[in-house]
């Protein structure tokens, strides 16, 4: 493995993170086969070998069996309510 500067690492994060998601963001995850769900990002991992940024997720629906590690490009920042009825939204 080559030595990389912090600037190189930041550049790769920007390159592999087209939706500019960050740790702590609520996101809508859209995967193939019409599967989409809401989650919160708890961490981001840069995979240099596969040239991807992975998002580690906390599912908002704890009973679901959705993936908790996905490609960051599949996540879009969500502005919706966390839960139905939260802050008088439903």
N, C-alpha and C. Protein backbone atom coordinates (compact mmCIF):
# COMPACT_ATOMS: atom_id res chain seq x y z
N UNK A 1 0.84 -1.18 0.00
CA UNK A 1 0.00 0.00 0.00
C UNK A 1 0.88 1.24 0.00
N UNK A 2 0.52 2.20 -0.79
CA UNK A 2 1.31 3.42 -0.88
C UNK A 2 0.88 4.39 0.21
N UNK A 3 1.80 5.26 0.57
CA UNK A 3 1.48 6.30 1.54
C UNK A 3 0.66 7.38 0.84
N UNK A 4 -0.42 7.79 1.47
CA UNK A 4 -1.30 8.81 0.89
C UNK A 4 -1.39 9.98 1.87
N UNK A 5 -1.42 11.15 1.31
CA UNK A 5 -1.58 12.34 2.14
C UNK A 5 -3.06 12.52 2.50
N UNK A 6 -3.32 13.34 3.47
CA UNK A 6 -4.71 13.65 3.84
C UNK A 6 -5.46 14.28 2.68
N UNK A 7 -4.78 15.08 1.89
CA UNK A 7 -5.43 15.70 0.73
C UNK A 7 -5.86 14.65 -0.29
N UNK A 8 -5.00 13.64 -0.51
CA UNK A 8 -5.36 12.56 -1.43
C UNK A 8 -6.58 11.79 -0.93
N UNK A 9 -6.63 11.53 0.35
CA UNK A 9 -7.76 10.80 0.93
C UNK A 9 -9.04 11.63 0.83
N UNK A 10 -8.95 12.91 1.11
CA UNK A 10 -10.13 13.79 0.99
C UNK A 10 -10.61 13.84 -0.46
N UNK A 11 -9.71 13.89 -1.40
CA UNK A 11 -10.07 13.90 -2.81
C UNK A 11 -10.81 12.62 -3.20
N UNK A 12 -10.34 11.48 -2.69
CA UNK A 12 -11.01 10.22 -2.97
C UNK A 12 -12.39 10.16 -2.33
N UNK A 13 -12.54 10.69 -1.11
CA UNK A 13 -13.86 10.75 -0.46
C UNK A 13 -14.83 11.55 -1.33
N UNK A 14 -14.38 12.68 -1.84
CA UNK A 14 -15.26 13.50 -2.69
C UNK A 14 -15.58 12.79 -4.00
N UNK A 15 -14.61 12.11 -4.56
CA UNK A 15 -14.79 11.41 -5.83
C UNK A 15 -15.81 10.27 -5.71
N UNK A 16 -15.74 9.51 -4.62
CA UNK A 16 -16.60 8.34 -4.46
C UNK A 16 -17.87 8.64 -3.68
N UNK A 17 -18.12 9.89 -3.37
CA UNK A 17 -19.29 10.29 -2.59
C UNK A 17 -20.06 11.35 -3.38
N UNK A 18 -20.72 10.96 -4.47
CA UNK A 18 -21.35 11.94 -5.36
C UNK A 18 -22.51 12.71 -4.71
N UNK A 19 -23.14 12.15 -3.68
CA UNK A 19 -24.28 12.81 -3.04
C UNK A 19 -23.88 13.58 -1.78
N UNK A 20 -22.58 13.67 -1.50
CA UNK A 20 -22.03 14.44 -0.39
C UNK A 20 -22.70 14.09 0.94
N UNK A 21 -22.83 12.79 1.23
CA UNK A 21 -23.39 12.36 2.50
C UNK A 21 -22.32 12.42 3.58
N UNK A 22 -22.75 12.55 4.83
CA UNK A 22 -21.83 12.66 5.95
C UNK A 22 -22.33 11.80 7.10
N UNK A 23 -21.44 11.44 8.00
CA UNK A 23 -21.83 10.70 9.19
C UNK A 23 -22.87 11.52 9.95
N UNK A 24 -23.94 10.84 10.36
CA UNK A 24 -25.02 11.50 11.09
C UNK A 24 -26.20 11.87 10.22
N UNK A 25 -26.02 11.88 8.90
CA UNK A 25 -27.11 12.22 7.98
C UNK A 25 -28.17 11.13 7.98
N UNK A 26 -29.44 11.54 7.86
CA UNK A 26 -30.52 10.61 7.55
C UNK A 26 -30.56 10.49 6.04
N UNK A 27 -30.63 9.27 5.55
CA UNK A 27 -30.58 9.07 4.11
C UNK A 27 -31.68 8.12 3.65
N UNK A 28 -32.03 8.27 2.39
CA UNK A 28 -32.88 7.32 1.70
C UNK A 28 -31.95 6.45 0.88
N UNK A 29 -31.95 5.15 1.17
CA UNK A 29 -31.11 4.20 0.45
C UNK A 29 -31.94 3.60 -0.66
N UNK A 30 -31.47 3.70 -1.89
CA UNK A 30 -32.18 3.13 -3.03
C UNK A 30 -31.30 2.08 -3.69
N UNK A 31 -31.73 0.83 -3.55
CA UNK A 31 -31.02 -0.29 -4.16
C UNK A 31 -31.86 -0.82 -5.31
N UNK A 32 -31.30 -1.68 -6.12
CA UNK A 32 -32.04 -2.26 -7.23
C UNK A 32 -33.25 -3.04 -6.74
N UNK A 33 -34.04 -3.54 -7.66
CA UNK A 33 -35.23 -4.35 -7.36
C UNK A 33 -36.27 -3.59 -6.55
N UNK A 34 -36.38 -2.28 -6.78
CA UNK A 34 -37.39 -1.45 -6.12
C UNK A 34 -37.28 -1.47 -4.61
N UNK A 35 -36.09 -1.65 -4.07
CA UNK A 35 -35.88 -1.65 -2.62
C UNK A 35 -35.35 -0.30 -2.20
N UNK A 36 -36.09 0.39 -1.32
CA UNK A 36 -35.60 1.64 -0.75
C UNK A 36 -36.04 1.70 0.71
N UNK A 37 -35.21 2.31 1.53
CA UNK A 37 -35.51 2.41 2.96
C UNK A 37 -34.73 3.58 3.55
N UNK A 38 -35.15 3.98 4.74
CA UNK A 38 -34.53 5.12 5.42
C UNK A 38 -33.59 4.62 6.51
N UNK A 39 -32.46 5.30 6.65
CA UNK A 39 -31.47 4.92 7.65
C UNK A 39 -30.66 6.15 8.06
N UNK A 40 -29.84 5.98 9.08
CA UNK A 40 -28.91 7.04 9.51
C UNK A 40 -27.50 6.52 9.31
N UNK A 41 -26.63 7.38 8.79
CA UNK A 41 -25.23 7.00 8.56
C UNK A 41 -24.46 7.09 9.87
N UNK A 42 -23.81 5.97 10.24
CA UNK A 42 -23.02 5.95 11.46
C UNK A 42 -21.53 5.93 11.16
N UNK A 43 -21.16 5.78 9.91
CA UNK A 43 -19.75 5.79 9.54
C UNK A 43 -19.57 5.64 8.04
N UNK A 44 -18.42 6.07 7.56
CA UNK A 44 -18.06 5.95 6.15
C UNK A 44 -16.70 5.27 6.06
N UNK A 45 -16.58 4.27 5.19
CA UNK A 45 -15.33 3.54 5.00
C UNK A 45 -14.89 3.65 3.55
N UNK A 46 -13.66 4.07 3.35
CA UNK A 46 -13.08 4.18 2.02
C UNK A 46 -12.39 2.87 1.68
N UNK A 47 -12.80 2.24 0.57
CA UNK A 47 -12.21 0.99 0.10
C UNK A 47 -11.39 1.32 -1.15
N UNK A 48 -10.09 1.43 -0.97
CA UNK A 48 -9.21 1.82 -2.08
C UNK A 48 -9.10 0.72 -3.12
N UNK A 49 -9.12 -0.53 -2.70
CA UNK A 49 -8.98 -1.64 -3.64
C UNK A 49 -10.14 -1.66 -4.64
N UNK A 50 -11.36 -1.50 -4.14
CA UNK A 50 -12.54 -1.54 -5.01
C UNK A 50 -12.98 -0.15 -5.48
N UNK A 51 -12.28 0.87 -5.05
CA UNK A 51 -12.57 2.26 -5.42
C UNK A 51 -14.01 2.63 -5.12
N UNK A 52 -14.39 2.43 -3.85
CA UNK A 52 -15.74 2.75 -3.39
C UNK A 52 -15.69 3.34 -2.00
N UNK A 53 -16.75 4.08 -1.69
CA UNK A 53 -16.96 4.58 -0.33
C UNK A 53 -18.21 3.88 0.19
N UNK A 54 -18.07 3.17 1.29
CA UNK A 54 -19.19 2.45 1.86
C UNK A 54 -19.77 3.23 3.03
N UNK A 55 -21.10 3.23 3.13
CA UNK A 55 -21.81 3.85 4.24
C UNK A 55 -22.26 2.75 5.19
N UNK A 56 -21.91 2.90 6.46
CA UNK A 56 -22.39 2.00 7.51
C UNK A 56 -23.63 2.63 8.10
N UNK A 57 -24.72 1.87 8.17
CA UNK A 57 -26.02 2.43 8.49
C UNK A 57 -26.60 1.89 9.79
N UNK A 58 -27.43 2.71 10.41
CA UNK A 58 -28.32 2.28 11.49
C UNK A 58 -29.71 2.38 10.92
N UNK A 59 -30.39 1.25 10.85
CA UNK A 59 -31.73 1.23 10.27
C UNK A 59 -32.72 1.89 11.20
N UNK A 60 -33.60 2.70 10.65
CA UNK A 60 -34.63 3.35 11.47
C UNK A 60 -35.75 2.38 11.80
N UNK A 61 -35.92 1.34 10.99
CA UNK A 61 -36.88 0.28 11.27
C UNK A 61 -36.07 -0.92 11.73
N UNK A 62 -35.95 -1.09 13.05
CA UNK A 62 -35.06 -2.11 13.59
C UNK A 62 -35.51 -3.53 13.26
N UNK A 63 -36.77 -3.72 12.86
CA UNK A 63 -37.25 -5.05 12.54
C UNK A 63 -36.98 -5.47 11.11
N UNK A 64 -36.47 -4.57 10.29
CA UNK A 64 -36.25 -4.90 8.88
C UNK A 64 -34.95 -5.66 8.70
N UNK A 65 -34.82 -6.32 7.58
CA UNK A 65 -33.61 -7.08 7.27
C UNK A 65 -32.87 -6.47 6.09
N UNK A 66 -32.87 -5.16 6.02
CA UNK A 66 -32.18 -4.45 4.94
C UNK A 66 -30.68 -4.39 5.21
N UNK A 67 -29.87 -4.24 4.18
CA UNK A 67 -28.41 -4.15 4.36
C UNK A 67 -28.02 -2.94 5.22
N UNK A 68 -26.99 -3.13 6.05
CA UNK A 68 -26.51 -2.04 6.90
C UNK A 68 -25.17 -1.49 6.42
N UNK A 69 -24.66 -2.01 5.31
CA UNK A 69 -23.44 -1.48 4.68
C UNK A 69 -23.70 -1.43 3.18
N UNK A 70 -23.71 -0.23 2.64
CA UNK A 70 -24.04 -0.05 1.22
C UNK A 70 -23.06 0.93 0.58
N UNK A 71 -23.04 0.95 -0.73
CA UNK A 71 -22.25 1.92 -1.48
C UNK A 71 -22.82 3.31 -1.20
N UNK A 72 -21.97 4.25 -0.87
CA UNK A 72 -22.42 5.61 -0.55
C UNK A 72 -23.17 6.25 -1.71
N UNK A 73 -22.89 5.84 -2.93
CA UNK A 73 -23.57 6.40 -4.10
C UNK A 73 -25.05 6.02 -4.12
N UNK A 74 -25.45 5.01 -3.35
CA UNK A 74 -26.85 4.59 -3.29
C UNK A 74 -27.65 5.36 -2.23
N UNK A 75 -27.01 6.29 -1.54
CA UNK A 75 -27.65 7.03 -0.46
C UNK A 75 -27.89 8.48 -0.86
N UNK A 76 -29.08 8.98 -0.57
CA UNK A 76 -29.44 10.37 -0.84
C UNK A 76 -29.91 10.99 0.47
N UNK A 77 -29.42 12.16 0.79
CA UNK A 77 -29.82 12.82 2.03
C UNK A 77 -31.33 13.02 2.06
N UNK A 78 -31.93 12.64 3.18
CA UNK A 78 -33.38 12.72 3.35
C UNK A 78 -33.72 13.88 4.26
N UNK A 79 -34.76 14.62 3.90
CA UNK A 79 -35.19 15.73 4.75
C UNK A 79 -36.51 15.41 5.44
N UNK A 80 -37.02 14.22 5.23
CA UNK A 80 -38.30 13.83 5.82
C UNK A 80 -38.19 13.61 7.32
N UNK A 81 -39.33 13.38 7.95
CA UNK A 81 -39.38 13.14 9.39
C UNK A 81 -38.74 11.79 9.72
N UNK A 82 -38.19 11.68 10.91
CA UNK A 82 -37.56 10.44 11.33
C UNK A 82 -38.60 9.34 11.48
N UNK A 83 -39.68 9.63 12.18
CA UNK A 83 -40.74 8.65 12.41
C UNK A 83 -42.07 9.30 12.13
N UNK A 84 -43.08 8.53 11.69
CA UNK A 84 -44.42 9.11 11.50
C UNK A 84 -44.93 9.69 12.80
N UNK A 85 -45.50 10.86 12.73
CA UNK A 85 -46.02 11.52 13.93
C UNK A 85 -44.99 12.36 14.66
N UNK A 86 -43.75 12.30 14.24
CA UNK A 86 -42.68 13.06 14.88
C UNK A 86 -42.83 14.54 14.54
N UNK A 87 -42.88 15.38 15.54
CA UNK A 87 -43.04 16.83 15.37
C UNK A 87 -44.31 17.19 14.60
N UNK A 88 -45.40 16.52 14.93
CA UNK A 88 -46.72 16.82 14.37
C UNK A 88 -46.77 16.71 12.84
N UNK A 89 -46.08 15.75 12.28
CA UNK A 89 -46.08 15.60 10.82
C UNK A 89 -47.01 14.50 10.32
N UNK A 90 -47.78 13.92 11.16
CA UNK A 90 -48.65 12.87 10.68
C UNK A 90 -49.33 12.24 11.80
